[in-house]
């Protein structure tokens, strides 16, 4: 079997570790692995990773030392051409031309949507791995990159708190999460933030200001507020303006962490998760599975049909939200 592996959509720390696992698990089982550069666009452009002998096949040495590296050596992109019927048909033809029997895409919901569309035109097997910092896919407790993104955000908030305490200010800090508040909630808990605003819960500006006044009356001199970029009231800058207009009792500053959260070397947890998922995905292909995402639930492998991974919004556990509320006082 010839397996094509690629990364698609936003980069996530641990993608390299996942590719390494796919290559080594595939080769160990006696199969060939082809690295496809730049995601679905790379299929259309026939853009393949070349080994030291300028061959399209990846070797054991091709992925040496990849686990500890951030970003993705296979590169990543989004492709408007691939989304068209003509693009899908072209992709199927390219895969057939190069004798690729199975695909292993690593990415988020857009990547898995693409796999579903491609399967309508191409008869090969497809098993995916969840590579996204947002942790917004069903069928896995955590996605590749989430742990590192949270660690990066927490380290940033810890540093900002030093300044907040020195100047007795409130900082409104925006983290990634257009549709999901997982990064915001985990960051708020780990960094001991006083409040968090996420897409999953209503943001009541008047109530937040009332709570801030109460905290100040009790002697609080600095505040950390974590905002997911997709909060329904807007990002950090918009929320800050609303808070000031509603009578916020603290001097405020806004910090947007942005793409800082995507970079850096993956945490040990992300390296382990990526290694497990990549290996499990190859095993699923060998077992003739297709149209599923490899995930980890309760420490064990779970294979979920692509459509089910993004069919509904992955809820944030109510207990975590209660914990934020309890610890903020």
Protein backbone atom coordinates (compact mmCIF):
# COMPACT_ATOMS: atom_id res chain seq x y z
CA UNK A 1 0.00 0.00 0.00
CA UNK A 2 1.23 3.51 -0.81
CA UNK A 3 0.12 6.06 1.80
CA UNK A 4 0.08 9.79 1.13
CA UNK A 5 0.43 11.98 4.23
CA UNK A 6 -0.05 15.76 4.37
CA UNK A 7 -0.91 18.67 6.66
CA UNK A 8 -3.72 21.09 5.84
CA UNK A 9 -5.24 24.28 7.23
CA UNK A 10 -3.75 26.11 10.20
CA UNK A 11 -0.48 24.71 11.50
CA UNK A 12 -0.48 23.05 14.91
CA UNK A 13 2.46 22.08 17.10
CA UNK A 14 2.89 18.30 16.90
CA UNK A 15 2.08 17.94 13.20
CA UNK A 16 5.71 16.98 12.54
CA UNK A 17 5.57 14.34 15.27
CA UNK A 18 2.41 12.94 13.70
CA UNK A 19 4.02 12.74 10.24
CA UNK A 20 7.03 11.02 11.79
CA UNK A 21 4.76 8.43 13.39
CA UNK A 22 2.91 7.83 10.11
CA UNK A 23 6.16 7.31 8.21
CA UNK A 24 7.76 5.00 10.73
CA UNK A 25 4.60 2.99 11.44
CA UNK A 26 3.89 2.65 7.73
CA UNK A 27 7.40 1.60 6.75
CA UNK A 28 7.70 -0.80 9.69
CA UNK A 29 4.51 -2.50 8.49
CA UNK A 30 5.96 -2.89 4.99
CA UNK A 31 4.15 -0.05 3.22
CA UNK A 32 5.34 3.00 1.28
CA UNK A 33 4.75 6.57 2.46
CA UNK A 34 4.66 9.61 0.18
CA UNK A 35 4.86 13.07 1.73
CA UNK A 36 2.60 15.64 0.05
CA UNK A 37 3.63 19.25 0.56
CA UNK A 38 1.21 22.15 1.07
CA UNK A 39 -1.95 20.17 1.76
CA UNK A 40 -4.70 19.70 -0.80
CA UNK A 41 -3.09 22.30 -3.06
CA UNK A 42 0.01 20.14 -3.06
CA UNK A 43 -1.97 17.23 -4.47
CA UNK A 44 -3.18 19.42 -7.32
CA UNK A 45 0.34 20.74 -7.95
CA UNK A 46 1.96 17.29 -7.60
CA UNK A 47 4.20 18.83 -4.94
CA UNK A 48 5.88 15.90 -3.18
CA UNK A 49 8.50 15.64 -0.46
CA UNK A 50 11.75 14.31 -1.92
CA UNK A 51 14.18 12.17 0.07
CA UNK A 52 17.97 12.48 -0.10
CA UNK A 53 18.00 10.40 -3.29
CA UNK A 54 15.47 12.81 -4.86
CA UNK A 55 12.79 10.10 -4.72
CA UNK A 56 9.16 10.78 -3.81
CA UNK A 57 9.19 8.11 -1.09
CA UNK A 58 9.83 9.09 2.53
CA UNK A 59 12.37 7.04 4.49
CA UNK A 60 12.99 6.39 8.16
CA UNK A 61 15.72 9.02 8.07
CA UNK A 62 13.45 11.55 6.33
CA UNK A 63 11.70 12.25 9.63
CA UNK A 64 14.65 12.11 12.03
CA UNK A 65 14.32 14.67 14.83
CA UNK A 66 10.91 15.84 13.62
CA UNK A 67 9.05 15.19 16.89
CA UNK A 68 10.48 18.16 18.78
CA UNK A 69 10.03 20.69 15.99
CA UNK A 70 7.13 23.13 15.68
CA UNK A 71 5.34 24.09 12.50
CA UNK A 72 5.13 21.53 9.71
CA UNK A 73 8.02 20.53 7.46
CA UNK A 74 5.51 19.37 4.85
CA UNK A 75 4.11 22.92 4.89
CA UNK A 76 0.40 23.67 4.94
CA UNK A 77 -2.05 25.74 2.94
CA UNK A 78 -5.68 26.26 2.04
CA UNK A 79 -6.89 25.67 -1.52
CA UNK A 80 -9.81 27.37 -3.24
CA UNK A 81 -9.19 25.25 -6.34
CA UNK A 82 -9.62 22.02 -4.39
CA UNK A 83 -13.06 23.11 -3.19
CA UNK A 84 -14.44 23.06 -6.76
CA UNK A 85 -15.74 19.95 -8.52
CA UNK A 86 -13.04 20.37 -11.15
CA UNK A 87 -10.41 20.54 -8.41
CA UNK A 88 -11.69 17.39 -6.73
CA UNK A 89 -11.65 15.48 -10.00
CA UNK A 90 -8.13 16.71 -10.71
CA UNK A 91 -6.97 15.64 -7.23
CA UNK A 92 -8.41 12.16 -7.77
CA UNK A 93 -6.60 11.89 -11.10
CA UNK A 94 -3.27 12.99 -9.57
CA UNK A 95 -3.57 10.42 -6.77
CA UNK A 96 -4.30 7.68 -9.30
CA UNK A 97 -1.39 8.82 -11.49
CA UNK A 98 1.07 8.43 -8.61
CA UNK A 99 -0.33 5.12 -7.39
CA UNK A 100 -1.45 6.42 -4.01
CA UNK A 101 -3.80 3.92 -2.36
CA UNK A 102 -4.57 5.75 0.88
CA UNK A 103 -4.45 9.26 2.28
CA UNK A 104 -3.70 10.40 5.81
CA UNK A 105 -4.59 14.11 6.20
CA UNK A 106 -3.64 15.95 9.39
CA UNK A 107 -5.72 19.02 10.17
CA UNK A 108 -8.95 20.49 11.52
CA UNK A 109 -12.58 20.48 10.46
CA UNK A 110 -11.86 22.06 7.06
CA UNK A 111 -9.36 19.32 6.33
CA UNK A 112 -11.86 16.61 7.25
CA UNK A 113 -14.58 18.31 5.17
CA UNK A 114 -12.15 18.15 2.26
CA UNK A 115 -11.59 14.44 2.85
CA UNK A 116 -15.34 13.80 2.69
CA UNK A 117 -15.60 15.72 -0.58
CA UNK A 118 -12.61 13.92 -2.10
CA UNK A 119 -14.04 10.52 -1.19
CA UNK A 120 -16.94 11.18 -3.57
CA UNK A 121 -14.50 11.16 -6.49
CA UNK A 122 -11.63 8.93 -5.36
CA UNK A 123 -11.92 5.25 -4.29
CA UNK A 124 -8.89 5.13 -1.98
CA UNK A 125 -8.91 4.89 1.80
CA UNK A 126 -8.76 8.03 3.93
CA UNK A 127 -8.04 8.11 7.66
CA UNK A 128 -7.37 11.50 9.28
CA UNK A 129 -5.67 12.86 12.38
CA UNK A 130 -6.98 15.91 14.33
CA UNK A 131 -4.34 18.61 14.00
CA UNK A 132 -5.77 21.90 15.32
CA UNK A 133 -5.00 24.04 18.35
CA UNK A 134 -8.72 24.77 18.86
CA UNK A 135 -9.61 21.33 20.30
CA UNK A 136 -12.99 21.63 18.58
CA UNK A 137 -13.40 18.18 17.00
CA UNK A 138 -15.61 15.44 18.43
CA UNK A 139 -14.09 11.97 18.75
CA UNK A 140 -10.96 12.90 20.70
CA UNK A 141 -10.35 14.32 24.17
CA UNK A 142 -7.68 16.66 22.81
CA UNK A 143 -6.40 17.62 19.37
CA UNK A 144 -2.77 17.88 18.28
CA UNK A 145 -1.43 21.33 19.16
CA UNK A 146 -3.95 22.22 21.86
CA UNK A 147 -1.64 21.48 24.80
CA UNK A 148 1.17 23.62 23.39
CA UNK A 149 -1.14 26.51 22.48
CA UNK A 150 -2.46 26.60 26.06
CA UNK A 151 1.04 26.45 27.52
CA UNK A 152 2.14 29.36 25.31
CA UNK A 153 -0.91 31.41 26.31
CA UNK A 154 -0.42 30.67 30.01
CA UNK A 155 3.24 31.68 29.89
CA UNK A 156 2.25 34.94 28.21
CA UNK A 157 -0.46 35.69 30.78
CA UNK A 158 1.95 34.95 33.64
CA UNK A 159 4.36 37.55 32.25
CA UNK A 160 1.61 40.09 31.66
CA UNK A 161 0.38 39.68 35.23
CA UNK A 162 3.73 40.93 36.52
CA UNK A 163 3.11 44.21 34.70
CA UNK A 164 -0.55 44.28 35.73
CA UNK A 165 0.36 43.99 39.39
CA UNK A 166 3.16 46.56 39.12
CA UNK A 167 0.83 49.17 37.59
CA UNK A 168 -2.43 48.02 39.23
CA UNK A 169 -4.17 47.48 35.91
CA UNK A 170 -6.58 45.15 34.22
CA UNK A 171 -5.41 43.37 31.05
CA UNK A 172 -7.90 42.11 28.47
CA UNK A 173 -6.06 39.30 26.70
CA UNK A 174 -7.33 37.78 23.48
CA UNK A 175 -6.53 34.15 22.64
CA UNK A 176 -7.41 32.15 19.55
CA UNK A 177 -10.77 30.44 19.20
CA UNK A 178 -13.15 31.72 16.51
CA UNK A 179 -15.80 29.14 17.38
CA UNK A 180 -14.43 27.42 20.46
CA UNK A 181 -13.52 28.63 23.94
CA UNK A 182 -11.31 25.69 24.91
CA UNK A 183 -8.03 27.60 24.78
CA UNK A 184 -9.57 30.51 26.68
CA UNK A 185 -11.03 28.36 29.46
CA UNK A 186 -7.90 26.24 29.97
CA UNK A 187 -5.73 29.37 29.93
CA UNK A 188 -7.98 31.17 32.39
CA UNK A 189 -7.87 28.26 34.82
CA UNK A 190 -4.13 27.60 34.54
CA UNK A 191 -3.19 31.29 34.76
CA UNK A 192 -5.68 32.07 37.54
CA UNK A 193 -7.53 34.69 35.52
CA UNK A 194 -10.45 36.46 37.15
CA UNK A 195 -12.85 36.25 34.20
CA UNK A 196 -13.18 34.60 30.79
CA UNK A 197 -15.38 35.34 27.77
CA UNK A 198 -16.08 32.59 25.23
CA UNK A 199 -18.47 31.90 22.32
CA UNK A 200 -20.24 29.12 24.24
CA UNK A 201 -21.64 31.36 26.99
CA UNK A 202 -23.35 34.78 26.91
CA UNK A 203 -21.12 37.72 27.80
CA UNK A 204 -22.90 40.12 30.15
CA UNK A 205 -20.91 43.36 30.19
CA UNK A 206 -22.95 44.93 33.00
CA UNK A 207 -22.49 41.87 35.23
CA UNK A 208 -18.76 41.73 34.53
CA UNK A 209 -18.38 45.39 35.55
CA UNK A 210 -20.39 44.73 38.74
CA UNK A 211 -18.08 41.80 39.56
CA UNK A 212 -14.99 43.90 38.84
CA UNK A 213 -16.20 46.63 41.20
CA UNK A 214 -16.77 44.01 43.88
CA UNK A 215 -13.26 42.62 43.39
CA UNK A 216 -11.75 46.09 43.65
CA UNK A 217 -13.68 46.79 46.85
CA UNK A 218 -12.24 43.59 48.31
CA UNK A 219 -8.71 44.79 47.61
CA UNK A 220 -7.98 43.38 44.16
CA UNK A 221 -5.53 45.69 42.38
CA UNK A 222 -4.92 43.79 39.12
CA UNK A 223 -7.15 41.70 36.87
CA UNK A 224 -6.59 39.19 34.07
CA UNK A 225 -9.49 38.81 31.63
CA UNK A 226 -9.19 36.12 28.93
CA UNK A 227 -11.24 36.56 25.76
CA UNK A 228 -11.68 34.04 22.95
CA UNK A 229 -11.45 35.88 19.63
CA UNK A 230 -14.87 34.53 18.62
CA UNK A 231 -16.80 35.80 21.64
CA UNK A 232 -20.23 37.05 20.54
CA UNK A 233 -19.52 40.55 21.89
CA UNK A 234 -16.35 40.81 19.81
CA UNK A 235 -12.64 40.41 20.45
CA UNK A 236 -10.59 41.97 23.22
CA UNK A 237 -10.55 45.48 21.80
CA UNK A 238 -14.33 45.61 21.35
CA UNK A 239 -14.95 44.16 24.79
CA UNK A 240 -12.55 46.62 26.36
CA UNK A 241 -14.43 49.56 24.85
CA UNK A 242 -17.73 48.18 26.15
CA UNK A 243 -16.28 47.62 29.62
CA UNK A 244 -14.98 51.18 29.82
CA UNK A 245 -18.31 52.58 28.62
CA UNK A 246 -20.08 50.55 31.32
CA UNK A 247 -17.91 51.94 34.11
CA UNK A 248 -15.02 49.49 34.49
CA UNK A 249 -13.21 50.47 37.72
CA UNK A 250 -9.74 49.52 36.48
CA UNK A 251 -7.30 51.13 34.10
CA UNK A 252 -7.15 48.67 31.19
CA UNK A 253 -4.78 47.50 28.48
CA UNK A 254 -5.45 45.09 25.59
CA UNK A 255 -3.11 42.32 24.42
CA UNK A 256 -3.84 40.09 21.41
CA UNK A 257 -1.68 36.95 21.49
CA UNK A 258 -2.59 35.94 17.93
CA UNK A 259 -0.39 33.55 15.98
CA UNK A 260 2.11 33.38 18.82
CA UNK A 261 -0.06 30.49 20.04
CA UNK A 262 0.65 28.40 16.93
CA UNK A 263 4.43 28.49 17.16
CA UNK A 264 7.08 26.86 19.31
CA UNK A 265 8.17 23.34 20.09
CA UNK A 266 5.35 20.99 21.05
CA UNK A 267 4.87 19.96 24.66
CA UNK A 268 5.61 16.35 25.63
CA UNK A 269 1.85 15.78 25.74
CA UNK A 270 1.42 16.95 22.14
CA UNK A 271 4.37 14.82 21.01
CA UNK A 272 2.88 11.75 22.67
CA UNK A 273 -0.63 12.39 21.35
CA UNK A 274 0.63 13.01 17.81
CA UNK A 275 2.76 9.87 17.88
CA UNK A 276 -0.13 7.74 19.07
CA UNK A 277 -2.65 9.15 16.61
CA UNK A 278 -0.31 8.84 13.62
CA UNK A 279 0.42 5.22 14.47
CA UNK A 280 -3.24 4.38 15.13
CA UNK A 281 -4.24 5.98 11.84
CA UNK A 282 -1.81 3.77 9.91
CA UNK A 283 -3.10 0.71 11.75
CA UNK A 284 -6.65 1.71 10.79
CA UNK A 285 -5.64 1.89 7.11
CA UNK A 286 -4.07 -1.55 7.37
CA UNK A 287 -7.35 -2.80 8.88
CA UNK A 288 -9.17 -1.44 5.79
CA UNK A 289 -10.92 1.37 7.63
CA UNK A 290 -11.74 4.55 5.75
CA UNK A 291 -13.66 7.79 6.22
CA UNK A 292 -12.71 8.06 9.89
CA UNK A 293 -10.58 10.24 12.16
CA UNK A 294 -8.20 8.67 14.66
CA UNK A 295 -8.73 10.13 18.12
CA UNK A 296 -7.87 9.37 21.73
CA UNK A 297 -10.63 9.11 24.31
CA UNK A 298 -9.82 8.08 27.86
CA UNK A 299 -6.34 7.11 26.75
CA UNK A 300 -7.61 4.64 24.16
CA UNK A 301 -7.89 4.88 20.37
CA UNK A 302 -11.26 5.81 18.90
CA UNK A 303 -12.21 6.07 15.22
CA UNK A 304 -15.01 8.48 14.40
CA UNK A 305 -16.64 9.01 10.99
CA UNK A 306 -15.47 12.31 9.52
CA UNK A 307 -18.93 13.89 9.41
CA UNK A 308 -19.50 13.11 13.11
CA UNK A 309 -16.32 14.96 14.14
CA UNK A 310 -17.75 18.32 13.06
CA UNK A 311 -21.52 17.65 13.05
CA UNK A 312 -22.05 19.55 16.30
CA UNK A 313 -20.18 22.05 18.41
CA UNK A 314 -17.88 20.28 20.88
CA UNK A 315 -19.14 21.44 24.28
CA UNK A 316 -16.89 22.68 27.04
CA UNK A 317 -17.52 20.58 30.18
CA UNK A 318 -19.83 22.44 32.55
CA UNK A 319 -17.57 21.52 35.48
CA UNK A 320 -14.72 23.52 33.95
CA UNK A 321 -16.91 26.60 33.59
CA UNK A 322 -18.08 26.20 37.19
CA UNK A 323 -14.45 25.94 38.28
CA UNK A 324 -13.59 29.22 36.56
CA UNK A 325 -16.49 30.89 38.37
CA UNK A 326 -15.51 29.42 41.77
CA UNK A 327 -11.82 30.26 41.58
CA UNK A 328 -12.30 33.82 40.31
CA UNK A 329 -13.51 35.21 43.62
